[in-house]
C-alpha atoms as a PDB file:
ATOM      1  CA  MET A   1     -10.478  -6.823  -8.142  1.00  0.00           C
ATOM      2  CA  THR A   2     -10.355  -6.462  -4.370  1.00  0.00           C
ATOM      3  CA  SER A   3      -7.944  -8.737  -2.528  1.00  0.00           C
ATOM      4  CA  LYS A   4      -9.002 -10.986   0.353  1.00  0.00           C
ATOM      5  CA  ALA A   5      -6.774  -9.001   2.710  1.00  0.00           C
ATOM      6  CA  ALA A   6      -8.540  -5.754   1.725  1.00  0.00           C
ATOM      7  CA  LYS A   7     -11.966  -7.321   2.236  1.00  0.00           C
ATOM      8  CA  ASP A   8     -10.934  -8.677   5.644  1.00  0.00           C
ATOM      9  CA  LEU A   9      -9.581  -5.272   6.677  1.00  0.00           C
ATOM     10  CA  LYS A  10     -12.807  -3.527   5.654  1.00  0.00           C
ATOM     11  CA  LYS A  11     -14.869  -6.079   7.592  1.00  0.00           C
ATOM     12  CA  ARG A  12     -12.701  -5.579  10.694  1.00  0.00           C
ATOM     13  CA  ILE A  13     -12.911  -1.773  10.437  1.00  0.00           C
ATOM     14  CA  VAL A  14     -16.704  -1.804  10.098  1.00  0.00           C
ATOM     15  CA  GLN A  15     -16.990  -3.849  13.305  1.00  0.00           C
ATOM     16  CA  GLU A  16     -14.950  -1.360  15.355  1.00  0.00           C
ATOM     17  CA  SER A  17     -16.708   0.924  17.819  1.00  0.00           C
ATOM     18  CA  ALA A  18     -17.360   4.556  16.964  1.00  0.00           C
ATOM     19  CA  ALA A  19     -14.678   5.565  19.487  1.00  0.00           C
ATOM     20  CA  CYS A  20     -12.023   4.139  17.150  1.00  0.00           C
ATOM     21  CA  PHE A  21     -12.909   6.802  14.586  1.00  0.00           C
ATOM     22  CA  GLU A  22     -12.839   9.830  16.864  1.00  0.00           C
ATOM     23  CA  PRO A  23     -10.268  12.397  15.762  1.00  0.00           C
ATOM     24  CA  MET A  24      -7.745  13.600  18.279  1.00  0.00           C
ATOM     25  CA  THR A  25      -4.878  16.058  18.189  1.00  0.00           C
ATOM     26  CA  PHE A  26      -1.238  15.203  17.659  1.00  0.00           C
ATOM     27  CA  GLY A  27      -0.514  16.508  21.168  1.00  0.00           C
ATOM     28  CA  GLU A  28      -2.884  13.919  22.674  1.00  0.00           C
ATOM     29  CA  LEU A  29      -0.955  11.003  21.171  1.00  0.00           C
ATOM     30  CA  LYS A  30       1.542   9.085  23.280  1.00  0.00           C
ATOM     31  CA  VAL A  31       5.061   8.440  22.024  1.00  0.00           C
ATOM     32  CA  TYR A  32       5.200   5.397  19.667  1.00  0.00           C
ATOM     33  CA  GLU A  33       1.493   5.582  18.772  1.00  0.00           C
ATOM     34  CA  LYS A  34       0.783   5.328  15.038  1.00  0.00           C
ATOM     35  CA  PHE A  35      -1.510   7.817  13.310  1.00  0.00           C
ATOM     36  CA  ILE A  36      -2.742   9.229  10.020  1.00  0.00           C
ATOM     37  CA  CYS A  37      -3.081  12.977   9.471  1.00  0.00           C
ATOM     38  CA  PHE A  38      -6.296  14.429   8.165  1.00  0.00           C
ATOM     39  CA  PRO A  39      -5.896  16.145   4.784  1.00  0.00           C
ATOM     40  CA  LEU A  40      -5.349  19.869   4.903  1.00  0.00           C
ATOM     41  CA  PRO A  41      -7.035  22.439   2.664  1.00  0.00           C
ATOM     42  CA  GLY A  42      -5.138  23.093  -0.535  1.00  0.00           C
ATOM     43  CA  ASP A  43      -3.418  20.946  -3.118  1.00  0.00           C
ATOM     44  CA  ASN A  44      -3.248  17.364  -1.843  1.00  0.00           C
ATOM     45  CA  SER A  45      -2.910  15.793  -5.286  1.00  0.00           C
ATOM     46  CA  GLY A  46      -0.344  13.064  -5.760  1.00  0.00           C
ATOM     47  CA  HIS A  47      -0.047  12.033  -2.113  1.00  0.00           C
ATOM     48  CA  GLY A  48      -0.867   8.411  -2.954  1.00  0.00           C
ATOM     49  CA  GLY A  49      -3.798   8.012  -0.574  1.00  0.00           C
ATOM     50  CA  PHE A  50      -3.890   7.233   3.118  1.00  0.00           C
ATOM     51  CA  ARG A  51      -2.724   3.623   2.726  1.00  0.00           C
ATOM     52  CA  GLY A  52       0.665   4.723   1.394  1.00  0.00           C
ATOM     53  CA  ILE A  53       3.730   4.056   3.535  1.00  0.00           C
ATOM     54  CA  SER A  54       4.528   7.775   3.643  1.00  0.00           C
ATOM     55  CA  ARG A  55       1.169   8.654   5.263  1.00  0.00           C
ATOM     56  CA  ILE A  56       1.359   6.450   8.373  1.00  0.00           C
ATOM     57  CA  PHE A  57       3.406   8.084  11.131  1.00  0.00           C
ATOM     58  CA  THR A  58       4.682   7.091  14.565  1.00  0.00           C
ATOM     59  CA  LYS A  59       5.018   9.788  17.226  1.00  0.00           C
ATOM     60  CA  ALA A  60       8.646  10.008  18.334  1.00  0.00           C
ATOM     61  CA  HIS A  61      10.743  11.520  21.093  1.00  0.00           C
ATOM     62  CA  SER A  62      12.387  14.832  20.321  1.00  0.00           C
ATOM     63  CA  VAL A  63      16.126  14.610  19.845  1.00  0.00           C
ATOM     64  CA  GLY A  64      19.028  16.922  19.049  1.00  0.00           C
ATOM     65  CA  THR A  65      18.365  20.178  17.254  1.00  0.00           C
ATOM     66  CA  ILE A  66      14.766  19.170  16.658  1.00  0.00           C
ATOM     67  CA  GLU A  67      14.098  19.720  20.381  1.00  0.00           C
ATOM     68  CA  VAL A  68      14.228  23.462  19.747  1.00  0.00           C
ATOM     69  CA  LEU A  69      11.321  23.126  17.311  1.00  0.00           C
ATOM     70  CA  THR A  70       9.407  20.589  19.381  1.00  0.00           C
ATOM     71  CA  SER A  71       8.384  22.835  22.223  1.00  0.00           C
ATOM     72  CA  SER A  72       4.976  22.749  23.846  1.00  0.00           C
ATOM     73  CA  THR A  73       3.396  23.652  20.482  1.00  0.00           C
ATOM     74  CA  HIS A  74       5.038  21.078  18.180  1.00  0.00           C
ATOM     75  CA  GLY A  75       6.229  17.482  18.187  1.00  0.00           C
ATOM     76  CA  ARG A  76       8.124  15.038  15.984  1.00  0.00           C
ATOM     77  CA  ALA A  77       6.993  11.897  14.177  1.00  0.00           C
ATOM     78  CA  GLU A  78       8.470   9.521  11.607  1.00  0.00           C
ATOM     79  CA  ASN A  79       6.754   7.804   8.711  1.00  0.00           C
ATOM     80  CA  LEU A  80       7.293   4.087   8.049  1.00  0.00           C
ATOM     81  CA  ARG A  81      10.278   4.931   5.827  1.00  0.00           C
ATOM     82  CA  GLY A  82      11.956   6.678   8.769  1.00  0.00           C
ATOM     83  CA  VAL A  83      11.527  10.217   7.427  1.00  0.00           C
ATOM     84  CA  SER A  84      11.110  12.641  10.317  1.00  0.00           C
ATOM     85  CA  SER A  85       8.552  15.479  10.297  1.00  0.00           C
ATOM     86  CA  ILE A  86       7.439  18.200  12.699  1.00  0.00           C
ATOM     87  CA  PHE A  87       3.720  18.412  13.572  1.00  0.00           C
ATOM     88  CA  PRO A  88       1.775  21.078  15.478  1.00  0.00           C
ATOM     89  CA  ASN A  89       0.200  19.649  18.619  1.00  0.00           C
ATOM     90  CA  SER A  90      -3.154  21.042  17.445  1.00  0.00           C
ATOM     91  CA  MET A  91      -3.178  19.036  14.164  1.00  0.00           C
ATOM     92  CA  LEU A  92      -6.111  16.616  13.884  1.00  0.00           C
ATOM     93  CA  VAL A  93      -5.052  12.990  13.519  1.00  0.00           C
ATOM     94  CA  LEU A  94      -6.626   9.538  13.613  1.00  0.00           C
ATOM     95  CA  ARG A  95      -4.832   7.013  15.825  1.00  0.00           C
ATOM     96  CA  ILE A  96      -4.435   3.602  14.238  1.00  0.00           C
ATOM     97  CA  ALA A  97      -3.638   0.269  15.856  1.00  0.00           C
END
């Protein structure tokens, strides 16, 4: 059975403009913007779906030793659990509000 919150979310999403669903690259995101990564080819089984807390990321500033990896080709983001990951600036993402 679908919850009221899920039905309300679907209704709100359907009413959004097409521009809200345009993919962009990780490099185009501003710091602190939230996003979801598009699935990559290969084995994506067991990831828990896109609504899972581990799939929503926030672009972050580069700090410490990670700065070496986050050059002009890569950047850093954290999921909602605070786990940090490195992303290529060319990776396709969908910005979420």
